């Protein structure tokens, strides 16, 4: 085990603790939305992406169909395409091995592994993701199975954890004038469509504003 990997493990622990709480919230909300405990756990183990999982669960729980929920989750995860392209030159091995290494790209690990010169420390990247993955899956297990004991997540404030997390990400993005315009356009599109369209459609339509802003 390289020193860089060990540094990644240590750096990932604080994020794993936060992830545990978020995943516990997801486990509770997913079961309330109609998932079985096993389905919620498998989703966390396979997807390991909070924003996509919450979006999909929220749409399904509100009565939206499978297609809108999958599209919304995919849109939430679209950022990983650009992140993967950036980190790809720093990965080693054949296509299969590089693909497996690429599965360790999550937001905190990507930022921690960024060396500031366009390259990434792949060992630190992988090391930082290990505790985060463990925290996310075990948090989902706790939320899915303890949901009946915990009751309504509103009682503990778990329902606001993820919205606050999203708002913190949004606040950082809004420093850029173009991002503010895109966010405003997306919000107006979503608000206009909510009264007239099925759950999930406003989220997808609002996302087109971000795509137009990116193209420009």
Protein backbone atom coordinates (compact mmCIF):
# COMPACT_ATOMS: atom_id res chain seq x y z
CA UNK A 1 0.00 0.00 0.00
CA UNK A 2 1.55 3.29 -1.10
CA UNK A 3 1.87 6.30 1.14
CA UNK A 4 -0.32 8.23 -1.27
CA UNK A 5 -3.10 5.66 -0.90
CA UNK A 6 -2.83 5.87 2.90
CA UNK A 7 -3.04 9.66 2.74
CA UNK A 8 -6.16 9.26 0.65
CA UNK A 9 -7.70 6.93 3.22
CA UNK A 10 -7.10 9.48 5.97
CA UNK A 11 -8.38 12.37 3.86
CA UNK A 12 -11.55 10.48 2.94
CA UNK A 13 -12.64 9.71 6.52
CA UNK A 14 -14.28 13.11 7.27
CA UNK A 15 -16.23 12.91 4.01
CA UNK A 16 -17.30 9.36 4.86
CA UNK A 17 -18.87 10.57 8.11
CA UNK A 18 -20.91 13.20 6.28
CA UNK A 19 -21.76 10.63 3.63
CA UNK A 20 -22.99 8.22 6.28
CA UNK A 21 -25.55 10.77 7.50
CA UNK A 22 -26.65 11.62 3.97
CA UNK A 23 -26.92 7.94 3.07
CA UNK A 24 -28.92 7.23 6.20
CA UNK A 25 -31.34 9.94 5.11
CA UNK A 26 -31.48 8.37 1.66
CA UNK A 27 -32.19 4.93 3.11
CA UNK A 28 -35.11 6.27 5.14
CA UNK A 29 -36.56 8.31 2.29
CA UNK A 30 -36.06 5.56 -0.30
CA UNK A 31 -38.04 3.05 1.77
CA UNK A 32 -40.76 5.63 2.32
CA UNK A 33 -40.82 6.21 -1.45
CA UNK A 34 -41.57 2.52 -2.06
CA UNK A 35 -38.13 0.91 -2.30
CA UNK A 36 -37.45 -2.26 -0.39
CA UNK A 37 -34.51 -2.10 1.99
CA UNK A 38 -32.52 -4.39 -0.31
CA UNK A 39 -33.30 -2.24 -3.36
CA UNK A 40 -32.11 0.90 -1.58
CA UNK A 41 -28.88 -0.80 -0.48
CA UNK A 42 -28.14 -2.23 -3.92
CA UNK A 43 -28.75 1.17 -5.49
CA UNK A 44 -26.21 2.76 -3.14
CA UNK A 45 -23.70 -0.03 -3.74
CA UNK A 46 -23.98 0.23 -7.53
CA UNK A 47 -24.60 3.94 -8.11
CA UNK A 48 -22.79 5.59 -5.15
CA UNK A 49 -23.97 9.05 -6.17
CA UNK A 50 -26.08 10.96 -3.67
CA UNK A 51 -27.56 13.58 -5.96
CA UNK A 52 -28.64 11.03 -8.57
CA UNK A 53 -30.09 8.68 -5.98
CA UNK A 54 -32.06 11.36 -4.18
CA UNK A 55 -33.38 12.74 -7.48
CA UNK A 56 -34.50 9.30 -8.67
CA UNK A 57 -36.08 8.37 -5.34
CA UNK A 58 -37.87 11.72 -5.04
CA UNK A 59 -39.37 11.42 -8.52
CA UNK A 60 -40.49 7.81 -8.00
CA UNK A 61 -41.89 8.67 -4.58
CA UNK A 62 -43.90 11.56 -6.06
CA UNK A 63 -45.48 9.26 -8.62
CA UNK A 64 -43.15 9.87 -11.53
CA UNK A 65 -42.23 7.09 -13.89
CA UNK A 66 -39.06 5.08 -14.22
CA UNK A 67 -37.86 6.92 -17.32
CA UNK A 68 -38.01 10.44 -15.78
CA UNK A 69 -36.29 9.18 -12.63
CA UNK A 70 -33.46 7.52 -14.59
CA UNK A 71 -33.03 10.55 -16.85
CA UNK A 72 -32.95 12.89 -13.84
CA UNK A 73 -30.32 10.76 -12.13
CA UNK A 74 -28.26 10.62 -15.32
CA UNK A 75 -28.46 14.38 -15.69
CA UNK A 76 -27.30 14.82 -12.10
CA UNK A 77 -24.29 12.62 -12.85
CA UNK A 78 -23.41 14.22 -16.18
CA UNK A 79 -20.61 16.17 -14.48
CA UNK A 80 -18.67 12.92 -14.10
CA UNK A 81 -18.13 12.82 -17.85
CA UNK A 82 -16.01 15.97 -17.72
CA UNK A 83 -14.32 14.87 -14.49
CA UNK A 84 -13.50 11.48 -16.01
CA UNK A 85 -11.99 13.07 -19.11
CA UNK A 86 -9.79 15.23 -16.88
CA UNK A 87 -8.54 12.35 -14.74
CA UNK A 88 -8.17 9.77 -17.54
CA UNK A 89 -4.55 10.62 -18.51
CA UNK A 90 -3.45 9.97 -14.91
CA UNK A 91 -4.85 6.43 -14.81
CA UNK A 92 -2.66 3.44 -15.67
CA UNK A 93 -3.15 -0.02 -17.20
CA UNK A 94 -5.37 -1.47 -19.89
CA UNK A 95 -8.94 -0.40 -20.68
CA UNK A 96 -10.54 -2.69 -18.09
CA UNK A 97 -8.20 -1.66 -15.31
CA UNK A 98 -8.56 2.03 -16.16
CA UNK A 99 -12.34 1.66 -16.18
CA UNK A 100 -12.26 0.16 -12.70
CA UNK A 101 -10.03 2.97 -11.44
CA UNK A 102 -12.43 5.46 -12.98
CA UNK A 103 -15.23 4.13 -10.78
CA UNK A 104 -13.48 5.73 -7.80
CA UNK A 105 -14.09 9.25 -9.14
CA UNK A 106 -16.40 11.05 -6.71
CA UNK A 107 -16.46 14.78 -6.06
CA UNK A 108 -14.34 15.02 -2.86
CA UNK A 109 -11.79 12.44 -4.06
CA UNK A 110 -11.44 14.15 -7.44
CA UNK A 111 -10.76 17.48 -5.72
CA UNK A 112 -8.31 15.96 -3.22
CA UNK A 113 -6.36 14.14 -5.95
CA UNK A 114 -6.09 17.19 -8.19
CA UNK A 115 -2.43 18.24 -8.19
CA UNK A 116 -3.11 21.62 -9.76
CA UNK A 117 -1.14 21.05 -12.95
CA UNK A 118 -3.75 19.07 -14.85
CA UNK A 119 -2.67 15.73 -13.38
CA UNK A 120 -4.18 13.63 -10.59
CA UNK A 121 -2.72 11.36 -7.92
CA UNK A 122 -4.57 8.15 -8.77
CA UNK A 123 -3.54 6.37 -5.57
CA UNK A 124 -4.82 9.21 -3.42
CA UNK A 125 -8.00 9.28 -5.51
CA UNK A 126 -8.68 5.60 -4.89
CA UNK A 127 -7.69 5.75 -1.24
CA UNK A 128 -10.00 8.69 -0.52
CA UNK A 129 -12.96 6.93 -2.11
CA UNK A 130 -12.69 3.72 -0.06
CA UNK A 131 -13.96 5.15 3.28
CA UNK A 132 -16.55 7.26 1.46
CA UNK A 133 -17.97 4.19 -0.27
CA UNK A 134 -18.08 2.26 2.99
CA UNK A 135 -19.78 5.18 4.74
CA UNK A 136 -22.35 5.56 1.97
CA UNK A 137 -23.34 1.90 1.83
CA UNK A 138 -23.42 1.38 5.60
CA UNK A 139 -25.38 4.59 6.02
CA UNK A 140 -27.97 3.33 3.56
CA UNK A 141 -28.17 0.03 5.43
CA UNK A 142 -28.77 1.90 8.69
CA UNK A 143 -31.40 4.17 7.18
CA UNK A 144 -33.20 1.41 5.31
CA UNK A 145 -33.46 -0.93 8.28
CA UNK A 146 -33.85 1.64 11.07
CA UNK A 147 -36.41 3.73 9.25
CA UNK A 148 -39.29 2.29 11.26
CA UNK A 149 -37.39 2.98 14.47
CA UNK A 150 -36.31 6.47 13.44
CA UNK A 151 -39.77 7.36 12.14
CA UNK A 152 -40.26 10.48 10.09
CA UNK A 153 -36.83 11.93 9.14
CA UNK A 154 -38.26 15.39 9.85
CA UNK A 155 -37.94 14.58 13.56
CA UNK A 156 -34.13 14.55 13.33
CA UNK A 157 -33.69 17.11 10.58
CA UNK A 158 -32.42 14.48 8.14
CA UNK A 159 -34.84 15.80 5.53
CA UNK A 160 -32.89 19.06 5.28
CA UNK A 161 -29.38 17.62 5.12
CA UNK A 162 -29.30 17.02 1.40
CA UNK A 163 -31.10 20.23 0.34
CA UNK A 164 -28.59 22.20 2.43
CA UNK A 165 -25.76 20.26 0.77
CA UNK A 166 -27.14 21.19 -2.65
CA UNK A 167 -27.53 24.84 -1.64
CA UNK A 168 -23.89 24.93 -0.53
CA UNK A 169 -22.82 23.62 -3.94
CA UNK A 170 -25.09 26.12 -5.66
CA UNK A 171 -23.70 29.02 -3.62
CA UNK A 172 -20.19 28.22 -4.81
CA UNK A 173 -21.32 28.03 -8.44
CA UNK A 174 -23.20 31.33 -8.26
CA UNK A 175 -19.96 33.28 -7.99
CA UNK A 176 -19.78 33.10 -11.77
CA UNK A 177 -22.17 35.57 -13.54
CA UNK A 178 -23.00 33.07 -16.28
CA UNK A 179 -23.86 30.45 -13.66
CA UNK A 180 -26.27 32.87 -12.00
CA UNK A 181 -28.09 33.38 -15.29
CA UNK A 182 -28.31 29.62 -15.91
CA UNK A 183 -29.58 28.98 -12.35
CA UNK A 184 -32.25 31.65 -12.70
CA UNK A 185 -33.38 30.28 -16.06
CA UNK A 186 -33.55 26.74 -14.67
CA UNK A 187 -35.55 27.87 -11.64
CA UNK A 188 -38.06 29.74 -13.82
CA UNK A 189 -38.49 26.74 -16.13
CA UNK A 190 -39.08 24.39 -13.20
CA UNK A 191 -41.54 26.71 -11.45
CA UNK A 192 -43.49 27.20 -14.67
CA UNK A 193 -43.82 23.46 -15.31
CA UNK A 194 -44.54 22.14 -11.80
CA UNK A 195 -48.33 22.83 -11.90
CA UNK A 196 -48.83 21.22 -15.31
CA UNK A 197 -46.39 18.35 -15.80
CA UNK A 198 -45.74 14.94 -14.16
CA UNK A 199 -43.09 14.67 -11.41
CA UNK A 200 -39.59 14.62 -12.82
CA UNK A 201 -40.32 16.59 -15.97
CA UNK A 202 -39.62 20.02 -14.38
CA UNK A 203 -36.21 18.75 -13.18
CA UNK A 204 -35.31 17.47 -16.64
CA UNK A 205 -36.53 20.59 -18.39
CA UNK A 206 -34.70 22.87 -15.96
CA UNK A 207 -31.53 20.96 -16.69
CA UNK A 208 -31.68 22.05 -20.33
CA UNK A 209 -30.87 25.57 -19.17
CA UNK A 210 -27.53 24.30 -17.86
CA UNK A 211 -26.84 22.53 -21.16
CA UNK A 212 -27.59 25.70 -23.12
CA UNK A 213 -25.32 27.69 -20.81
CA UNK A 214 -22.54 25.13 -21.28
CA UNK A 215 -22.91 25.26 -25.07
CA UNK A 216 -22.63 29.03 -25.04
